[in-house]
Protein backbone atom coordinates (compact mmCIF):
# COMPACT_ATOMS: atom_id res chain seq x y z
CA MET A 1 13.98 47.35 -2.65
CA MET A 2 15.61 46.17 -6.12
CA LYS A 3 16.77 42.82 -4.25
CA GLN A 4 12.84 42.58 -3.39
CA LYS A 5 11.58 42.87 -6.68
CA GLY A 6 14.00 40.11 -8.13
CA TYR A 7 13.13 37.82 -5.53
CA THR A 8 9.19 38.40 -6.54
CA GLN A 9 9.91 38.06 -10.09
CA ILE A 10 11.06 34.36 -9.34
CA LEU A 11 8.44 33.28 -6.98
CA ALA A 12 5.93 34.24 -9.60
CA LEU A 13 7.97 32.30 -12.23
CA LEU A 14 7.94 29.09 -9.95
CA PHE A 15 4.03 29.60 -9.43
CA LEU A 16 3.49 29.38 -12.64
CA LEU A 17 5.72 26.65 -13.66
CA LEU A 18 4.96 24.32 -10.73
CA PRO A 19 1.55 23.69 -11.25
CA SER A 20 2.08 22.59 -14.52
CA TYR A 21 4.89 20.33 -13.50
CA LEU A 22 2.71 18.99 -10.66
CA LEU A 23 -0.14 18.03 -13.32
CA SER A 24 2.37 16.46 -16.05
CA GLN A 25 2.73 12.75 -15.65
CA ASP A 26 5.92 11.33 -16.05
CA CYS A 27 5.29 7.83 -18.13
CA GLU A 28 8.84 7.70 -19.18
CA ASP A 29 9.56 3.92 -17.35
CA HIS A 30 6.15 2.90 -17.12
CA HIS A 31 6.57 -0.34 -18.76
CA ARG A 32 9.36 -1.06 -16.02
CA ASP A 33 7.60 0.38 -13.16
CA GLY A 34 3.89 -0.02 -14.03
CA ASP A 35 1.79 -3.08 -14.20
CA CYS A 36 3.94 -4.60 -17.05
CA ARG A 37 6.68 -5.68 -14.26
CA TYR A 38 4.59 -8.49 -13.11
CA ASP A 39 5.47 -10.05 -17.00
CA ILE A 40 8.97 -9.97 -16.58
CA GLN A 41 9.97 -13.81 -17.36
CA ARG A 42 13.05 -15.29 -16.52
CA GLY A 43 15.38 -16.06 -18.87
CA TYR A 44 14.42 -12.86 -21.26
CA LYS A 45 15.82 -9.78 -21.45
CA ILE A 46 13.80 -6.14 -21.80
CA TYR A 47 14.02 -4.94 -25.57
CA SER A 48 15.44 -1.67 -26.02
CA GLN A 49 12.41 -0.93 -28.07
CA SER A 50 9.77 -1.31 -25.28
CA HIS A 51 7.71 1.99 -25.03
CA SER A 52 5.74 4.05 -22.57
CA ALA A 53 3.59 7.18 -23.24
CA SER A 54 1.10 9.30 -21.83
CA MET A 55 -2.51 8.57 -23.57
CA THR A 56 -6.27 9.18 -23.27
CA PRO A 57 -8.94 6.83 -24.47
CA LEU A 58 -9.24 9.75 -27.66
CA ASP A 59 -5.34 8.81 -28.96
CA THR A 60 -4.23 5.87 -30.89
CA LEU A 61 -0.80 5.50 -30.53
CA GLU A 62 1.40 3.82 -33.41
CA LEU A 63 5.01 2.59 -32.99
CA ASN A 64 7.33 1.14 -35.40
CA ALA A 65 9.36 -2.17 -34.25
CA VAL A 66 12.02 -4.27 -35.58
CA PHE A 67 11.51 -8.08 -34.55
CA TYR A 68 14.58 -10.12 -35.15
CA GLY A 69 14.43 -13.55 -37.04
CA GLN A 70 15.47 -16.76 -34.40
CA LYS A 71 14.13 -14.88 -31.07
CA ASP A 72 10.80 -15.52 -29.15
CA TYR A 73 9.42 -12.16 -27.48
CA ILE A 74 6.80 -11.42 -24.92
CA LEU A 75 4.63 -8.36 -25.45
CA SER A 76 2.84 -7.17 -21.87
CA PHE A 77 0.52 -3.68 -22.19
CA CYS A 78 -0.23 -2.27 -19.13
CA THR A 79 -1.77 1.21 -17.74
CA HIS A 80 -4.08 2.88 -15.34
CA LYS A 81 -6.71 0.81 -13.96
CA LYS A 82 -9.57 3.38 -15.39
CA LEU A 83 -8.14 2.97 -19.14
CA TYR A 84 -8.65 -0.61 -19.48
CA PRO A 85 -9.02 -2.55 -21.72
CA ILE A 86 -6.15 -2.10 -24.19
CA HIS A 87 -6.93 -2.79 -27.48
CA PHE A 88 -3.88 -3.43 -30.06
CA VAL A 89 -3.08 -4.78 -33.52
CA LEU A 90 -0.08 -5.94 -35.03
CA ILE A 91 0.63 -4.99 -38.72
CA ASP A 92 3.38 -6.33 -41.11
CA GLN A 93 5.02 -2.78 -42.40
CA GLN A 94 5.61 -4.64 -45.94
CA THR A 95 2.52 -6.26 -46.72
CA GLN A 96 0.50 -3.80 -44.37
CA GLN A 97 -1.60 -7.20 -43.58
CA VAL A 98 -2.91 -7.33 -39.81
CA LEU A 99 -0.82 -10.19 -38.18
CA TYR A 100 -2.80 -10.10 -34.64
CA ASP A 101 -5.59 -8.22 -33.35
CA ASN A 102 -6.37 -8.47 -29.39
CA GLU A 103 -10.02 -8.05 -29.61
CA GLU A 104 -10.28 -11.44 -31.01
CA ASP A 105 -9.16 -12.75 -27.87
CA LYS A 106 -11.17 -10.90 -25.35
CA TYR A 107 -7.94 -8.03 -25.43
CA LEU A 108 -5.54 -10.14 -24.03
CA GLU A 109 -2.67 -7.80 -22.29
CA SER A 110 0.35 -10.29 -23.05
CA LEU A 111 1.30 -11.64 -26.48
CA GLY A 112 3.91 -14.36 -27.21
CA LEU A 113 5.02 -14.54 -30.81
CA GLY A 114 8.11 -15.13 -32.84
CA PHE A 115 9.56 -15.19 -36.46
CA ASP A 116 12.19 -17.29 -38.31
CA VAL A 117 12.76 -14.64 -40.20
CA THR A 118 13.14 -10.48 -39.11
CA LYS A 119 10.05 -8.66 -39.57
CA SER A 120 9.05 -4.91 -39.01
CA LEU A 121 5.86 -4.38 -37.10
CA THR A 122 3.50 -1.59 -36.67
CA ILE A 123 1.79 -1.93 -33.32
CA LYS A 124 -1.61 0.01 -32.96
CA ILE A 125 -2.57 1.05 -29.54
CA ASP A 126 -5.75 2.22 -27.91
CA VAL A 127 -6.66 2.44 -24.44
CA LEU A 128 -10.88 1.47 -24.40
CA ALA A 129 -11.74 2.89 -21.02
CA ARG A 130 -14.68 0.90 -20.20
CA GLY A 131 -14.41 1.48 -16.45
CA SER A 132 -14.76 5.39 -17.14
CA SER A 133 -17.90 7.54 -17.77
CA GLU A 134 -17.91 10.37 -20.87
CA GLU A 135 -16.57 12.99 -18.42
CA GLU A 136 -13.95 10.80 -17.33
CA ILE A 137 -12.63 9.94 -20.54
CA LYS A 138 -12.69 13.32 -21.82
CA GLU A 139 -10.51 14.21 -18.53
CA ASN A 140 -8.23 10.96 -17.96
CA ILE A 141 -5.14 11.02 -18.96
CA GLY A 142 -2.91 8.07 -17.82
CA CYS A 143 0.61 6.24 -18.48
CA LEU A 144 0.43 3.30 -21.01
CA GLY A 145 3.67 0.69 -20.79
CA LEU A 146 4.72 -1.60 -23.79
CA LEU A 147 6.92 -4.06 -22.17
CA ILE A 148 9.01 -5.92 -24.86
CA GLN A 149 11.08 -9.08 -23.81
CA TYR A 150 13.03 -11.49 -26.14
CA LYS A 151 15.27 -14.40 -25.72
CA ASN A 152 16.94 -16.38 -28.66
CA TYR A 153 15.60 -19.46 -29.77
CA PRO A 154 17.02 -22.55 -28.45
CA ALA A 155 20.13 -23.61 -30.17
CA LYS A 156 19.31 -26.93 -32.65
CA LYS A 157 21.07 -30.19 -31.62
CA VAL A 158 22.26 -31.94 -34.63
CA LYS A 159 22.55 -35.51 -34.25
CA ILE A 160 25.13 -37.05 -36.45
CA GLN A 161 24.82 -41.00 -36.59
CA MET A 162 27.46 -43.46 -38.30
């Protein structure tokens, strides 16, 4: 009887925990596994500051990232098809100046950039969910991925003439 009661308690606990586990979404590697993977470029390395998160159209995500000088970067954004387009803004943390807003480029999803000197940026991200109804906007939770790739600037060749 005591053994059966223990099994019943364990089963009850599993039934309570299982639905939340099944409904939760694992977005940890969406920048590697989602549509961002189609933007992986030969010759570039994946930057450790790439990021994925669970997001709704009602959220704004702010990421702080350091972009080192003398490197080329590619930023690629991806999400669930119902959450597109993705709106992002790059802000210089030192001056608070907006360096880029993809709204001006019809919500471009991939951007190449480079800096001669190291810059700390804030990346503000919203998903606009233009393909969703009002009800879906309140209910939709999806993964957002930001894949950041980099490579060093090509070495400058110095010609010495004599």
